[in-house]
Amino acid sequence: MTPVDIWALWWVWGLGAVALLVLEVFAPGFLFLGFGAGAAVVAALLGLGLGSGNPAILALIFAVVSMAAWYVMRRIFGVRKGQVKIWDKDINDDV
C-alpha cells in the first residue's frame, strides 16, 4: 500500500474527524469543528462507496465542506458580544 492509497480509506478520514473533534474540546472556539465536519463527510462518502480514491478530489471535498461548515457555524453562532474590541480613541489623539 502506497502513502497515496491510505487517503482512500474511510477509517483514516473517520479517525482524523474524531481527532479534530477531540482537539476542538481542548481548544474551544470553533477552530477545528469545521475541519472535523469536513473529514466526517469525506469518511461517510468513502464508507458508502460514493467517493473516488483520487486524493485531489478528496482534498477538494474536504476543503469545500470544511469552509461551508465554518461559514454556517459563524452565521448561526456569530461573534459574541464583547469579543471584538473597537477602539474609539487613538493614543495619538491627545497631542
PDB file of N, CA and C in Angstrom:
ATOM      1  N   MET A   1       0.846  -1.175   0.000  1.00  0.00           N
ATOM      2  CA  MET A   1       0.000   0.000   0.000  1.00  0.00           C
ATOM      3  C   MET A   1       0.894   1.243   0.000  1.00  0.00           C
ATOM      4  N   THR A   2       0.665   2.105  -0.941  1.00  0.00           N
ATOM      5  CA  THR A   2       1.455   3.322  -1.038  1.00  0.00           C
ATOM      6  C   THR A   2       0.849   4.398  -0.137  1.00  0.00           C
ATOM      7  N   PRO A   3       1.619   5.436   0.175  1.00  0.00           N
ATOM      8  CA  PRO A   3       1.078   6.503   1.022  1.00  0.00           C
ATOM      9  C   PRO A   3      -0.131   7.203   0.406  1.00  0.00           C
ATOM     10  N   VAL A   4      -0.227   7.209  -0.915  1.00  0.00           N
ATOM     11  CA  VAL A   4      -1.373   7.849  -1.571  1.00  0.00           C
ATOM     12  C   VAL A   4      -2.634   7.015  -1.364  1.00  0.00           C
ATOM     13  N   ASP A   5      -2.490   5.706  -1.322  1.00  0.00           N
ATOM     14  CA  ASP A   5      -3.645   4.820  -1.168  1.00  0.00           C
ATOM     15  C   ASP A   5      -4.295   4.937   0.202  1.00  0.00           C
ATOM     16  N   ILE A   6      -3.546   5.332   1.197  1.00  0.00           N
ATOM     17  CA  ILE A   6      -4.097   5.397   2.546  1.00  0.00           C
ATOM     18  C   ILE A   6      -5.173   6.474   2.664  1.00  0.00           C
ATOM     19  N   TRP A   7      -5.108   7.502   1.825  1.00  0.00           N
ATOM     20  CA  TRP A   7      -6.116   8.571   1.888  1.00  0.00           C
ATOM     21  C   TRP A   7      -7.441   8.146   1.292  1.00  0.00           C
ATOM     22  N   ALA A   8      -7.495   6.996   0.641  1.00  0.00           N
ATOM     23  CA  ALA A   8      -8.745   6.499   0.077  1.00  0.00           C
ATOM     24  C   ALA A   8      -9.484   5.579   1.049  1.00  0.00           C
ATOM     25  N   LEU A   9      -8.961   5.400   2.247  1.00  0.00           N
ATOM     26  CA  LEU A   9      -9.607   4.552   3.247  1.00  0.00           C
ATOM     27  C   LEU A   9     -10.526   5.398   4.123  1.00  0.00           C
ATOM     28  N   TRP A  10     -11.757   4.931   4.289  1.00  0.00           N
ATOM     29  CA  TRP A  10     -12.742   5.726   5.034  1.00  0.00           C
ATOM     30  C   TRP A  10     -12.359   5.882   6.493  1.00  0.00           C
ATOM     31  N   TRP A  11     -11.741   4.850   7.072  1.00  0.00           N
ATOM     32  CA  TRP A  11     -11.448   4.915   8.501  1.00  0.00           C
ATOM     33  C   TRP A  11     -10.318   5.894   8.809  1.00  0.00           C
ATOM     34  N   VAL A  12      -9.473   6.187   7.845  1.00  0.00           N
ATOM     35  CA  VAL A  12      -8.425   7.190   8.061  1.00  0.00           C
ATOM     36  C   VAL A  12      -9.072   8.562   8.208  1.00  0.00           C
ATOM     37  N   TRP A  13     -10.035   8.856   7.334  1.00  0.00           N
ATOM     38  CA  TRP A  13     -10.754  10.132   7.424  1.00  0.00           C
ATOM     39  C   TRP A  13     -11.606  10.176   8.690  1.00  0.00           C
ATOM     40  N   GLY A  14     -12.202   9.041   9.060  1.00  0.00           N
ATOM     41  CA  GLY A  14     -13.001   8.983  10.281  1.00  0.00           C
ATOM     42  C   GLY A  14     -12.154   9.215  11.524  1.00  0.00           C
ATOM     43  N   LEU A  15     -10.967   8.620  11.542  1.00  0.00           N
ATOM     44  CA  LEU A  15     -10.048   8.824  12.659  1.00  0.00           C
ATOM     45  C   LEU A  15      -9.589  10.274  12.722  1.00  0.00           C
ATOM     46  N   GLY A  16      -9.356  10.864  11.556  1.00  0.00           N
ATOM     47  CA  GLY A  16      -8.994  12.283  11.517  1.00  0.00           C
ATOM     48  C   GLY A  16     -10.119  13.164  12.022  1.00  0.00           C
ATOM     49  N   ALA A  17     -11.361  12.828  11.674  1.00  0.00           N
ATOM     50  CA  ALA A  17     -12.514  13.601  12.150  1.00  0.00           C
ATOM     51  C   ALA A  17     -12.635  13.517  13.659  1.00  0.00           C
ATOM     52  N   VAL A  18     -12.467  12.328  14.211  1.00  0.00           N
ATOM     53  CA  VAL A  18     -12.546  12.159  15.665  1.00  0.00           C
ATOM     54  C   VAL A  18     -11.420  12.932  16.352  1.00  0.00           C
ATOM     55  N   ALA A  19     -10.224  12.863  15.793  1.00  0.00           N
ATOM     56  CA  ALA A  19      -9.091  13.590  16.378  1.00  0.00           C
ATOM     57  C   ALA A  19      -9.334  15.096  16.353  1.00  0.00           C
ATOM     58  N   LEU A  20      -9.882  15.610  15.260  1.00  0.00           N
ATOM     59  CA  LEU A  20     -10.168  17.044  15.173  1.00  0.00           C
ATOM     60  C   LEU A  20     -11.277  17.457  16.128  1.00  0.00           C
ATOM     61  N   LEU A  21     -12.277  16.620  16.286  1.00  0.00           N
ATOM     62  CA  LEU A  21     -13.362  16.938  17.213  1.00  0.00           C
ATOM     63  C   LEU A  21     -12.888  16.885  18.664  1.00  0.00           C
ATOM     64  N   VAL A  22     -12.005  15.956  18.984  1.00  0.00           N
ATOM     65  CA  VAL A  22     -11.425  15.918  20.336  1.00  0.00           C
ATOM     66  C   VAL A  22     -10.544  17.139  20.552  1.00  0.00           C
ATOM     67  N   LEU A  23      -9.806  17.527  19.547  1.00  0.00           N
ATOM     68  CA  LEU A  23      -8.966  18.719  19.636  1.00  0.00           C
ATOM     69  C   LEU A  23      -9.814  19.970  19.857  1.00  0.00           C
ATOM     70  N   GLU A  24     -11.012  19.990  19.299  1.00  0.00           N
ATOM     71  CA  GLU A  24     -11.924  21.119  19.499  1.00  0.00           C
ATOM     72  C   GLU A  24     -12.348  21.237  20.962  1.00  0.00           C
ATOM     73  N   VAL A  25     -12.446  20.107  21.645  1.00  0.00           N
ATOM     74  CA  VAL A  25     -12.800  20.136  23.063  1.00  0.00           C
ATOM     75  C   VAL A  25     -11.698  20.813  23.865  1.00  0.00           C
ATOM     76  N   PHE A  26     -10.459  20.566  23.500  1.00  0.00           N
ATOM     77  CA  PHE A  26      -9.334  21.150  24.230  1.00  0.00           C
ATOM     78  C   PHE A  26      -9.028  22.583  23.804  1.00  0.00           C
ATOM     79  N   ALA A  27      -9.435  22.968  22.610  1.00  0.00           N
ATOM     80  CA  ALA A  27      -9.218  24.333  22.116  1.00  0.00           C
ATOM     81  C   ALA A  27     -10.543  24.875  21.589  1.00  0.00           C
ATOM     82  N   PRO A  28     -11.471  25.214  22.499  1.00  0.00           N
ATOM     83  CA  PRO A  28     -12.794  25.647  22.034  1.00  0.00           C
ATOM     84  C   PRO A  28     -12.733  26.968  21.277  1.00  0.00           C
ATOM     85  N   GLY A  29     -13.745  27.219  20.524  1.00  0.00           N
ATOM     86  CA  GLY A  29     -13.802  28.442  19.738  1.00  0.00           C
ATOM     87  C   GLY A  29     -14.112  28.163  18.285  1.00  0.00           C
ATOM     88  N   PHE A  30     -14.591  26.962  17.995  1.00  0.00           N
ATOM     89  CA  PHE A  30     -14.959  26.556  16.642  1.00  0.00           C
ATOM     90  C   PHE A  30     -13.774  26.612  15.694  1.00  0.00           C
ATOM     91  N   LEU A  31     -12.581  26.319  16.198  1.00  0.00           N
ATOM     92  CA  LEU A  31     -11.400  26.299  15.346  1.00  0.00           C
ATOM     93  C   LEU A  31     -11.321  25.023  14.515  1.00  0.00           C
ATOM     94  N   PHE A  32     -11.540  23.891  15.150  1.00  0.00           N
ATOM     95  CA  PHE A  32     -11.359  22.601  14.484  1.00  0.00           C
ATOM     96  C   PHE A  32     -12.665  21.907  14.138  1.00  0.00           C
ATOM     97  N   LEU A  33     -13.795  22.487  14.543  1.00  0.00           N
ATOM     98  CA  LEU A  33     -15.085  21.846  14.331  1.00  0.00           C
ATOM     99  C   LEU A  33     -15.432  21.754  12.846  1.00  0.00           C
ATOM    100  N   GLY A  34     -15.151  22.794  12.080  1.00  0.00           N
ATOM    101  CA  GLY A  34     -15.411  22.761  10.639  1.00  0.00           C
ATOM    102  C   GLY A  34     -14.544  21.735   9.930  1.00  0.00           C
ATOM    103  N   PHE A  35     -13.286  21.645  10.337  1.00  0.00           N
ATOM    104  CA  PHE A  35     -12.391  20.650   9.742  1.00  0.00           C
ATOM    105  C   PHE A  35     -12.843  19.237  10.097  1.00  0.00           C
ATOM    106  N   GLY A  36     -13.307  19.063  11.336  1.00  0.00           N
ATOM    107  CA  GLY A  36     -13.829  17.756  11.748  1.00  0.00           C
ATOM    108  C   GLY A  36     -15.056  17.364  10.952  1.00  0.00           C
ATOM    109  N   ALA A  37     -15.925  18.338  10.685  1.00  0.00           N
ATOM    110  CA  ALA A  37     -17.115  18.060   9.874  1.00  0.00           C
ATOM    111  C   ALA A  37     -16.722  17.692   8.450  1.00  0.00           C
ATOM    112  N   GLY A  38     -15.741  18.379   7.889  1.00  0.00           N
ATOM    113  CA  GLY A  38     -15.270  18.063   6.545  1.00  0.00           C
ATOM    114  C   GLY A  38     -14.693  16.664   6.461  1.00  0.00           C
ATOM    115  N   ALA A  39     -13.903  16.288   7.447  1.00  0.00           N
ATOM    116  CA  ALA A  39     -13.322  14.944   7.455  1.00  0.00           C
ATOM    117  C   ALA A  39     -14.406  13.885   7.652  1.00  0.00           C
ATOM    118  N   ALA A  40     -15.422  14.188   8.470  1.00  0.00           N
ATOM    119  CA  ALA A  40     -16.510  13.236   8.686  1.00  0.00           C
ATOM    120  C   ALA A  40     -17.327  13.027   7.411  1.00  0.00           C
ATOM    121  N   VAL A  41     -17.553  14.080   6.654  1.00  0.00           N
ATOM    122  CA  VAL A  41     -18.297  13.948   5.397  1.00  0.00           C
ATOM    123  C   VAL A  41     -17.507  13.110   4.398  1.00  0.00           C
ATOM    124  N   VAL A  42     -16.209  13.353   4.297  1.00  0.00           N
ATOM    125  CA  VAL A  42     -15.381  12.558   3.374  1.00  0.00           C
ATOM    126  C   VAL A  42     -15.367  11.098   3.811  1.00  0.00           C
ATOM    127  N   ALA A  43     -15.280  10.841   5.130  1.00  0.00           N
ATOM    128  CA  ALA A  43     -15.310   9.463   5.625  1.00  0.00           C
ATOM    129  C   ALA A  43     -16.639   8.800   5.291  1.00  0.00           C
ATOM    130  N   ALA A  44     -17.738   9.547   5.439  1.00  0.00           N
ATOM    131  CA  ALA A  44     -19.055   8.989   5.122  1.00  0.00           C
ATOM    132  C   ALA A  44     -19.180   8.684   3.627  1.00  0.00           C
ATOM    133  N   LEU A  45     -18.693   9.587   2.787  1.00  0.00           N
ATOM    134  CA  LEU A  45     -18.747   9.349   1.339  1.00  0.00           C
ATOM    135  C   LEU A  45     -17.946   8.115   0.949  1.00  0.00           C
ATOM    136  N   LEU A  46     -16.748   7.989   1.517  1.00  0.00           N
ATOM    137  CA  LEU A  46     -15.925   6.825   1.197  1.00  0.00           C
ATOM    138  C   LEU A  46     -16.528   5.546   1.775  1.00  0.00           C
ATOM    139  N   GLY A  47     -17.110   5.642   2.961  1.00  0.00           N
ATOM    140  CA  GLY A  47     -17.721   4.468   3.582  1.00  0.00           C
ATOM    141  C   GLY A  47     -18.931   3.968   2.819  1.00  0.00           C
ATOM    142  N   LEU A  48     -19.672   4.872   2.221  1.00  0.00           N
ATOM    143  CA  LEU A  48     -20.837   4.491   1.423  1.00  0.00           C
ATOM    144  C   LEU A  48     -20.471   4.122  -0.014  1.00  0.00           C
ATOM    145  N   GLY A  49     -19.208   4.282  -0.376  1.00  0.00           N
ATOM    146  CA  GLY A  49     -18.758   3.939  -1.713  1.00  0.00           C
ATOM    147  C   GLY A  49     -19.031   5.020  -2.744  1.00  0.00           C
ATOM    148  N   LEU A  50     -19.336   6.242  -2.289  1.00  0.00           N
ATOM    149  CA  LEU A  50     -19.648   7.330  -3.217  1.00  0.00           C
ATOM    150  C   LEU A  50     -18.427   8.156  -3.600  1.00  0.00           C
ATOM    151  N   GLY A  51     -17.361   8.070  -2.835  1.00  0.00           N
ATOM    152  CA  GLY A  51     -16.171   8.866  -3.112  1.00  0.00           C
ATOM    153  C   GLY A  51     -15.188   8.115  -3.993  1.00  0.00           C
ATOM    154  N   SER A  52     -14.389   8.875  -4.703  1.00  0.00           N
ATOM    155  CA  SER A  52     -13.350   8.249  -5.529  1.00  0.00           C
ATOM    156  C   SER A  52     -12.082   8.111  -4.688  1.00  0.00           C
ATOM    157  N   GLY A  53     -11.141   7.363  -5.186  1.00  0.00           N
ATOM    158  CA  GLY A  53      -9.889   7.185  -4.482  1.00  0.00           C
ATOM    159  C   GLY A  53      -8.865   8.257  -4.802  1.00  0.00           C
ATOM    160  N   ASN A  54      -9.247   9.234  -5.609  1.00  0.00           N
ATOM    161  CA  ASN A  54      -8.336  10.291  -6.014  1.00  0.00           C
ATOM    162  C   ASN A  54      -8.110  11.251  -4.846  1.00  0.00           C
ATOM    163  N   PRO A  55      -6.875  11.368  -4.349  1.00  0.00           N
ATOM    164  CA  PRO A  55      -6.626  12.230  -3.195  1.00  0.00           C
ATOM    165  C   PRO A  55      -6.928  13.708  -3.460  1.00  0.00           C
ATOM    166  N   ALA A  56      -6.758  14.159  -4.701  1.00  0.00           N
ATOM    167  CA  ALA A  56      -7.036  15.559  -5.015  1.00  0.00           C
ATOM    168  C   ALA A  56      -8.530  15.859  -4.882  1.00  0.00           C
ATOM    169  N   ILE A  57      -9.363  14.944  -5.345  1.00  0.00           N
ATOM    170  CA  ILE A  57     -10.823  15.131  -5.234  1.00  0.00           C
ATOM    171  C   ILE A  57     -11.236  15.070  -3.775  1.00  0.00           C
ATOM    172  N   LEU A  58     -10.661  14.131  -3.018  1.00  0.00           N
ATOM    173  CA  LEU A  58     -10.993  14.019  -1.598  1.00  0.00           C
ATOM    174  C   LEU A  58     -10.583  15.275  -0.843  1.00  0.00           C
ATOM    175  N   ALA A  59      -9.419  15.821  -1.168  1.00  0.00           N
ATOM    176  CA  ALA A  59      -8.969  17.050  -0.515  1.00  0.00           C
ATOM    177  C   ALA A  59      -9.865  18.231  -0.878  1.00  0.00           C
ATOM    178  N   LEU A  60     -10.331  18.259  -2.121  1.00  0.00           N
ATOM    179  CA  LEU A  60     -11.239  19.324  -2.541  1.00  0.00           C
ATOM    180  C   LEU A  60     -12.572  19.231  -1.808  1.00  0.00           C
ATOM    181  N   ILE A  61     -13.120  18.035  -1.694  1.00  0.00           N
ATOM    182  CA  ILE A  61     -14.371  17.847  -0.953  1.00  0.00           C
ATOM    183  C   ILE A  61     -14.177  18.244   0.505  1.00  0.00           C
ATOM    184  N   PHE A  62     -13.070  17.822   1.091  1.00  0.00           N
ATOM    185  CA  PHE A  62     -12.755  18.173   2.479  1.00  0.00           C
ATOM    186  C   PHE A  62     -12.688  19.684   2.653  1.00  0.00           C
ATOM    187  N   ALA A  63     -12.013  20.370   1.749  1.00  0.00           N
ATOM    188  CA  ALA A  63     -11.858  21.822   1.862  1.00  0.00           C
ATOM    189  C   ALA A  63     -13.184  22.550   1.697  1.00  0.00           C
ATOM    190  N   VAL A  64     -13.970  22.144   0.715  1.00  0.00           N
ATOM    191  CA  VAL A  64     -15.250  22.823   0.465  1.00  0.00           C
ATOM    192  C   VAL A  64     -16.217  22.602   1.623  1.00  0.00           C
ATOM    193  N   VAL A  65     -16.324  21.374   2.097  1.00  0.00           N
ATOM    194  CA  VAL A  65     -17.240  21.084   3.203  1.00  0.00           C
ATOM    195  C   VAL A  65     -16.765  21.764   4.485  1.00  0.00           C
ATOM    196  N   SER A  66     -15.465  21.781   4.735  1.00  0.00           N
ATOM    197  CA  SER A  66     -14.942  22.446   5.926  1.00  0.00           C
ATOM    198  C   SER A  66     -15.238  23.940   5.902  1.00  0.00           C
ATOM    199  N   MET A  67     -15.055  24.571   4.762  1.00  0.00           N
ATOM    200  CA  MET A  67     -15.336  26.002   4.641  1.00  0.00           C
ATOM    201  C   MET A  67     -16.823  26.287   4.794  1.00  0.00           C
ATOM    202  N   ALA A  68     -17.651  25.453   4.190  1.00  0.00           N
ATOM    203  CA  ALA A  68     -19.100  25.634   4.313  1.00  0.00           C
ATOM    204  C   ALA A  68     -19.546  25.439   5.762  1.00  0.00           C
ATOM    205  N   ALA A  69     -18.994  24.440   6.446  1.00  0.00           N
ATOM    206  CA  ALA A  69     -19.350  24.202   7.852  1.00  0.00           C
ATOM    207  C   ALA A  69     -18.918  25.381   8.714  1.00  0.00           C
ATOM    208  N   TRP A  70     -17.729  25.905   8.472  1.00  0.00           N
ATOM    209  CA  TRP A  70     -17.267  27.055   9.241  1.00  0.00           C
ATOM    210  C   TRP A  70     -18.177  28.255   8.998  1.00  0.00           C
ATOM    211  N   TYR A  71     -18.552  28.487   7.749  1.00  0.00           N
ATOM    212  CA  TYR A  71     -19.407  29.626   7.414  1.00  0.00           C
ATOM    213  C   TYR A  71     -20.780  29.491   8.070  1.00  0.00           C
ATOM    214  N   VAL A  72     -21.355  28.295   8.022  1.00  0.00           N
ATOM    215  CA  VAL A  72     -22.668  28.076   8.643  1.00  0.00           C
ATOM    216  C   VAL A  72     -22.585  28.268  10.152  1.00  0.00           C
ATOM    217  N   MET A  73     -21.544  27.736  10.776  1.00  0.00           N
ATOM    218  CA  MET A  73     -21.399  27.917  12.226  1.00  0.00           C
ATOM    219  C   MET A  73     -21.186  29.383  12.583  1.00  0.00           C
ATOM    220  N   ARG A  74     -20.471  30.091  11.768  1.00  0.00           N
ATOM    221  CA  ARG A  74     -20.235  31.520  12.023  1.00  0.00           C
ATOM    222  C   ARG A  74     -21.536  32.303  11.915  1.00  0.00           C
ATOM    223  N   ARG A  75     -22.393  31.934  10.949  1.00  0.00           N
ATOM    224  CA  ARG A  75     -23.684  32.608  10.788  1.00  0.00           C
ATOM    225  C   ARG A  75     -24.630  32.261  11.932  1.00  0.00           C
ATOM    226  N   ILE A  76     -24.600  31.010  12.384  1.00  0.00           N
ATOM    227  CA  ILE A  76     -25.507  30.590  13.453  1.00  0.00           C
ATOM    228  C   ILE A  76     -25.057  31.155  14.801  1.00  0.00           C
ATOM    229  N   PHE A  77     -23.793  30.959  15.129  1.00  0.00           N
ATOM    230  CA  PHE A  77     -23.311  31.368  16.445  1.00  0.00           C
ATOM    231  C   PHE A  77     -22.827  32.807  16.464  1.00  0.00           C
ATOM    232  N   GLY A  78     -22.344  33.298  15.340  1.00  0.00           N
ATOM    233  CA  GLY A  78     -21.914  34.689  15.222  1.00  0.00           C
ATOM    234  C   GLY A  78     -20.749  35.047  16.122  1.00  0.00           C
ATOM    235  N   VAL A  79     -20.477  36.329  16.166  1.00  0.00           N
ATOM    236  CA  VAL A  79     -19.438  36.851  17.038  1.00  0.00           C
ATOM    237  C   VAL A  79     -20.109  37.216  18.353  1.00  0.00           C
ATOM    238  N   ARG A  80     -19.578  36.705  19.443  1.00  0.00           N
ATOM    239  CA  ARG A  80     -20.149  37.025  20.750  1.00  0.00           C
ATOM    240  C   ARG A  80     -19.952  38.489  21.064  1.00  0.00           C
ATOM    241  N   LYS A  81     -20.904  39.048  21.764  1.00  0.00           N
ATOM    242  CA  LYS A  81     -20.816  40.449  22.152  1.00  0.00           C
ATOM    243  C   LYS A  81     -19.600  40.633  23.046  1.00  0.00           C
ATOM    244  N   GLY A  82     -18.805  41.618  22.732  1.00  0.00           N
ATOM    245  CA  GLY A  82     -17.599  41.879  23.503  1.00  0.00           C
ATOM    246  C   GLY A  82     -16.388  41.105  23.026  1.00  0.00           C
ATOM    247  N   GLN A  83     -16.527  40.295  21.996  1.00  0.00           N
ATOM    248  CA  GLN A  83     -15.404  39.500  21.509  1.00  0.00           C
ATOM    249  C   GLN A  83     -14.420  40.366  20.726  1.00  0.00           C
ATOM    250  N   VAL A  84     -14.943  41.376  20.050  1.00  0.00           N
ATOM    251  CA  VAL A  84     -14.098  42.238  19.239  1.00  0.00           C
ATOM    252  C   VAL A  84     -13.965  43.579  19.935  1.00  0.00           C
ATOM    253  N   LYS A  85     -12.761  44.022  20.148  1.00  0.00           N
ATOM    254  CA  LYS A  85     -12.509  45.312  20.787  1.00  0.00           C
ATOM    255  C   LYS A  85     -12.499  46.395  19.717  1.00  0.00           C
ATOM    256  N   ILE A  86     -13.344  47.397  19.912  1.00  0.00           N
ATOM    257  CA  ILE A  86     -13.400  48.520  18.995  1.00  0.00           C
ATOM    258  C   ILE A  86     -12.802  49.719  19.709  1.00  0.00           C
ATOM    259  N   TRP A  87     -11.787  50.297  19.104  1.00  0.00           N
ATOM    260  CA  TRP A  87     -11.111  51.440  19.696  1.00  0.00           C
ATOM    261  C   TRP A  87     -11.785  52.720  19.201  1.00  0.00           C
ATOM    262  N   ASP A  88     -12.241  53.534  20.137  1.00  0.00           N
ATOM    263  CA  ASP A  88     -12.877  54.806  19.778  1.00  0.00           C
ATOM    264  C   ASP A  88     -11.872  55.951  19.757  1.00  0.00           C
ATOM    265  N   LYS A  89     -10.785  55.773  20.449  1.00  0.00           N
ATOM    266  CA  LYS A  89      -9.822  56.847  20.595  1.00  0.00           C
ATOM    267  C   LYS A  89      -8.421  56.308  20.314  1.00  0.00           C
ATOM    268  N   ASP A  90      -7.658  57.085  19.580  1.00  0.00           N
ATOM    269  CA  ASP A  90      -6.299  56.697  19.262  1.00  0.00           C
ATOM    270  C   ASP A  90      -5.361  57.324  20.283  1.00  0.00           C
ATOM    271  N   ILE A  91      -4.251  56.671  20.564  1.00  0.00           N
ATOM    272  CA  ILE A  91      -3.291  57.179  21.531  1.00  0.00           C
ATOM    273  C   ILE A  91      -2.682  58.503  21.071  1.00  0.00           C
ATOM    274  N   ASN A  92      -2.647  58.723  19.766  1.00  0.00           N
ATOM    275  CA  ASN A  92      -2.048  59.947  19.239  1.00  0.00           C
ATOM    276  C   ASN A  92      -3.034  61.112  19.180  1.00  0.00           C
ATOM    277  N   ASP A  93      -4.285  60.897  19.577  1.00  0.00           N
ATOM    278  CA  ASP A  93      -5.281  61.978  19.551  1.00  0.00           C
ATOM    279  C   ASP A  93      -5.075  62.998  20.664  1.00  0.00           C
ATOM    280  N   ASP A  94      -4.306  62.655  21.683  1.00  0.00           N
ATOM    281  CA  ASP A  94      -4.094  63.567  22.819  1.00  0.00           C
ATOM    282  C   ASP A  94      -3.123  64.692  22.494  1.00  0.00           C
ATOM    283  N   VAL A  95      -2.376  64.587  21.454  1.00  0.00           N
ATOM    284  CA  VAL A  95      -1.349  65.563  21.134  1.00  0.00           C
ATOM    285  C   VAL A  95      -1.921  66.816  20.577  1.00  0.00           C
TER     286      VAL A  95
END
